[in-house]
Protein backbone atom coordinates (compact mmCIF):
# COMPACT_ATOMS: atom_id res chain seq x y z
CA MET A 1 -24.41 -44.57 28.87
CA VAL A 2 -21.44 -46.75 28.57
CA GLU A 3 -18.67 -45.68 31.29
CA ALA A 4 -15.64 -45.93 28.81
CA ILE A 5 -18.16 -43.19 26.38
CA ALA A 6 -18.88 -41.15 29.53
CA THR A 7 -15.38 -40.50 30.33
CA GLU A 8 -14.92 -39.18 26.76
CA ILE A 9 -17.56 -36.50 27.23
CA SER A 10 -16.81 -33.22 28.48
CA ASP A 11 -18.58 -31.53 31.48
CA ALA A 12 -19.91 -28.99 28.82
CA GLU A 13 -21.29 -31.37 26.83
CA LEU A 14 -22.93 -33.40 29.71
CA ALA A 15 -24.33 -29.94 31.11
CA ALA A 16 -25.97 -29.50 27.36
CA LEU A 17 -27.29 -33.25 27.60
CA ALA A 18 -28.80 -32.95 31.16
CA ALA A 19 -30.28 -29.47 30.55
CA ALA A 20 -32.12 -31.20 27.63
CA GLY A 21 -33.33 -33.93 30.19
CA ASP A 22 -30.75 -36.50 29.57
CA ARG A 23 -30.95 -38.43 33.18
CA ASP A 24 -27.62 -40.46 32.27
CA ALA A 25 -25.83 -37.22 31.69
CA LEU A 26 -27.06 -35.85 34.77
CA GLY A 27 -26.12 -38.93 36.54
CA GLU A 28 -22.57 -38.98 35.07
CA LEU A 29 -22.39 -35.11 36.14
CA TYR A 30 -23.50 -36.16 39.82
CA ARG A 31 -20.62 -39.37 39.73
CA ARG A 32 -17.99 -36.72 38.41
CA HIS A 33 -18.75 -33.68 40.97
CA ALA A 34 -20.97 -34.79 44.22
CA GLY A 35 -18.25 -35.89 46.22
CA ARG A 36 -16.35 -32.93 46.06
CA LEU A 37 -19.38 -30.92 46.17
CA THR A 38 -20.70 -32.72 49.39
CA LEU A 39 -16.99 -31.97 51.04
CA LEU A 40 -17.28 -28.34 50.29
CA ALA A 41 -20.91 -28.11 51.75
CA GLN A 42 -19.84 -30.20 54.87
CA ARG A 43 -17.08 -27.70 55.49
CA LEU A 44 -19.24 -24.69 55.37
CA LEU A 45 -21.97 -26.50 57.16
CA ARG A 46 -20.42 -29.01 59.70
CA SER A 47 -23.10 -31.24 58.98
CA GLY A 48 -22.91 -34.27 56.80
CA PRO A 49 -26.74 -34.71 56.63
CA ASP A 50 -27.04 -30.83 55.58
CA ALA A 51 -24.25 -31.45 53.02
CA GLU A 52 -25.96 -34.03 51.60
CA ASP A 53 -29.32 -32.27 51.54
CA VAL A 54 -27.41 -29.31 49.74
CA VAL A 55 -25.95 -31.35 46.86
CA GLN A 56 -29.14 -33.20 46.32
CA ASP A 57 -30.99 -29.84 46.22
CA LEU A 58 -28.38 -28.87 43.52
CA PHE A 59 -28.80 -31.82 41.33
CA VAL A 60 -32.71 -31.98 41.52
CA ALA A 61 -32.83 -28.15 40.27
CA LEU A 62 -29.63 -28.72 38.07
CA PRO A 63 -31.32 -29.29 34.60
CA ALA A 64 -33.25 -25.99 34.98
CA ALA A 65 -30.26 -24.40 36.36
CA LEU A 66 -28.14 -25.51 33.41
CA ALA A 67 -30.62 -24.12 30.60
CA GLY A 68 -29.07 -20.92 31.89
CA TYR A 69 -25.57 -21.80 32.09
CA ARG A 70 -22.89 -20.19 29.87
CA ASP A 71 -19.95 -22.30 29.29
CA GLU A 72 -17.46 -19.34 30.17
CA GLY A 73 -15.35 -21.45 32.30
CA ARG A 74 -15.21 -24.98 33.99
CA LEU A 75 -18.39 -26.29 35.07
CA GLY A 76 -16.76 -27.56 38.07
CA ALA A 77 -16.09 -24.33 39.28
CA TRP A 78 -19.40 -23.33 38.62
CA LEU A 79 -20.83 -26.02 40.76
CA SER A 80 -18.95 -24.97 43.56
CA ARG A 81 -20.09 -21.81 43.52
CA VAL A 82 -23.73 -22.85 43.25
CA THR A 83 -23.16 -25.23 45.97
CA ALA A 84 -21.43 -22.59 48.23
CA ASN A 85 -24.22 -20.50 47.76
CA LEU A 86 -26.86 -23.04 48.73
CA ALA A 87 -24.79 -24.06 51.68
CA LEU A 88 -24.25 -20.28 53.06
CA LYS A 89 -28.10 -19.99 52.42
CA ARG A 90 -28.82 -22.76 54.72
CA LEU A 91 -25.97 -21.70 56.98
CA ARG A 92 -28.00 -18.08 57.35
CA SER A 93 -31.50 -19.57 57.53
CA GLY A 94 -30.74 -21.83 60.45
CA GLN A 95 -32.43 -24.80 58.63
CA ARG A 96 -29.38 -27.03 59.76
CA ARG A 97 -29.99 -30.14 61.25
CA ARG A 98 -28.39 -29.06 64.46
CA GLU A 99 -28.92 -32.36 66.23
CA ASP A 100 -27.01 -34.20 63.27
CA ALA A 101 -24.26 -31.72 63.63
CA LEU A 102 -20.66 -33.13 63.44
CA PRO A 103 -18.97 -33.63 66.74
CA ALA A 104 -15.59 -31.51 66.66
CA GLY A 105 -13.06 -33.73 64.85
CA ALA A 106 -15.36 -35.60 63.06
CA ASP A 107 -13.57 -35.10 59.66
CA GLU A 108 -10.39 -36.02 61.10
CA PRO A 109 -10.44 -39.95 59.67
CA ALA A 110 -10.43 -38.06 56.21
CA LEU A 111 -7.25 -36.76 56.94
CA PRO A 112 -5.20 -40.21 57.47
CA HIS A 113 -2.08 -38.89 56.85
CA ALA A 114 -2.28 -35.37 58.89
CA ASP A 115 0.52 -34.88 61.27
CA PRO A 116 -0.51 -33.52 64.73
CA GLU A 117 0.29 -29.93 63.59
CA GLN A 118 -1.94 -30.25 60.65
CA LEU A 119 -4.98 -31.44 63.01
CA SER A 120 -4.17 -28.33 65.54
CA VAL A 121 -4.73 -26.29 62.39
CA PHE A 122 -7.96 -27.93 61.38
CA ARG A 123 -9.39 -27.70 64.63
CA ALA A 124 -8.47 -24.28 65.21
CA VAL A 125 -9.96 -23.12 62.06
CA ASP A 126 -13.43 -25.24 62.80
CA ALA A 127 -13.64 -23.36 65.99
CA LEU A 128 -13.65 -19.73 64.34
CA PRO A 129 -16.90 -18.09 64.42
CA ASP A 130 -18.98 -18.88 60.87
CA THR A 131 -18.37 -15.33 59.49
CA LEU A 132 -14.49 -15.95 59.60
CA ARG A 133 -14.34 -19.60 59.12
CA VAL A 134 -16.56 -19.58 55.91
CA VAL A 135 -13.86 -16.86 54.48
CA VAL A 136 -10.76 -18.88 55.26
CA LEU A 137 -12.53 -21.87 53.65
CA LEU A 138 -13.49 -20.41 50.71
CA LYS A 139 -10.12 -18.65 50.08
CA PHE A 140 -7.76 -20.78 51.25
CA VAL A 141 -9.49 -24.49 50.82
CA GLU A 142 -11.62 -23.74 47.71
CA GLY A 143 -9.41 -20.98 46.19
CA PHE A 144 -12.40 -18.29 45.54
CA SER A 145 -11.06 -14.79 44.97
CA HIS A 146 -12.24 -11.93 47.47
CA ALA A 147 -14.47 -10.82 44.94
CA GLU A 148 -16.15 -13.95 44.68
CA ILE A 149 -16.80 -14.49 48.31
CA ALA A 150 -17.97 -10.97 48.67
CA GLU A 151 -20.73 -11.99 45.94
CA LEU A 152 -21.27 -15.40 47.49
CA LEU A 153 -21.45 -13.94 51.20
CA GLY A 154 -23.43 -10.43 50.10
CA ILE A 155 -20.55 -8.76 51.37
CA GLY A 156 -18.16 -5.80 50.29
CA ARG A 157 -14.88 -7.38 48.60
CA GLY A 158 -13.04 -5.25 51.67
CA THR A 159 -15.15 -7.07 54.18
CA SER A 160 -14.03 -10.22 52.73
CA GLU A 161 -10.26 -9.11 53.18
CA VAL A 162 -10.99 -7.98 56.72
CA ARG A 163 -12.66 -10.90 57.95
CA LEU A 164 -9.77 -12.93 56.57
CA PHE A 165 -7.46 -10.60 58.43
CA ARG A 166 -9.38 -11.16 61.37
CA ALA A 167 -9.60 -14.90 61.15
CA ILE A 168 -5.64 -15.12 60.26
CA ARG A 169 -4.94 -13.24 63.65
CA GLN A 170 -7.18 -15.40 65.67
CA LEU A 171 -5.61 -18.61 64.21
CA ARG A 172 -2.28 -17.10 64.95
CA THR A 173 -3.50 -16.65 68.51
CA THR A 174 -5.00 -19.95 69.15
CA LEU A 175 -1.77 -21.36 67.56
CA GLY A 176 0.71 -19.67 69.43
CA ALA A 177 2.70 -18.64 66.12
C-alpha cells in the first residue's frame, strides 16, 4: 500500500480490509496505533516487554476480532479498550515479566519537558497500589468514564468512583497538597 494512499484511507476502511485478511491494512493500523497502545499498556503494567507482548497479542488476533467490530465510534477508542482489557488480564493473572519490570522513574525520559513538580506527581501515581493506580490512569490519562472503567475492571461504577476518591486522597497525602 502506498503511504500517500494509506493516509487517505480511514481507520474504519482499514479495519474492514484487515478483517478480510489484507496484511497491508493491518500493517497500516499497526503503524497508526501501536505506539499509543503500547504506551497505554506500559502505564498499566509498568513493563515495556509486557506492554509489547500485549500489543503484539492484540494485532495477531485483530483480523478475527475486527470481524465482530461495529463501527459505532472511533476505532482508536475501541483499540484502547481492548488493549486496556488485555493489559488488565495480564496484570491480574500474574503473567507479567517481573524480572523485566521497569524501575521506578524509567518513564521519566519520555517526559523531557516535565518540571520537578510534574515528576513528583508522576512518581506518586506510580507508587499507588495497582487497584488505585489503574483507575487513575484510565480516568485521567486515557479519559475513560467510570462506566467504562467499571466494565474493563469487572467492578461496579461506584467502586470505580471510590477507588478514584481513595487514590486522590492518597496522592494529596503523598504530595502534601
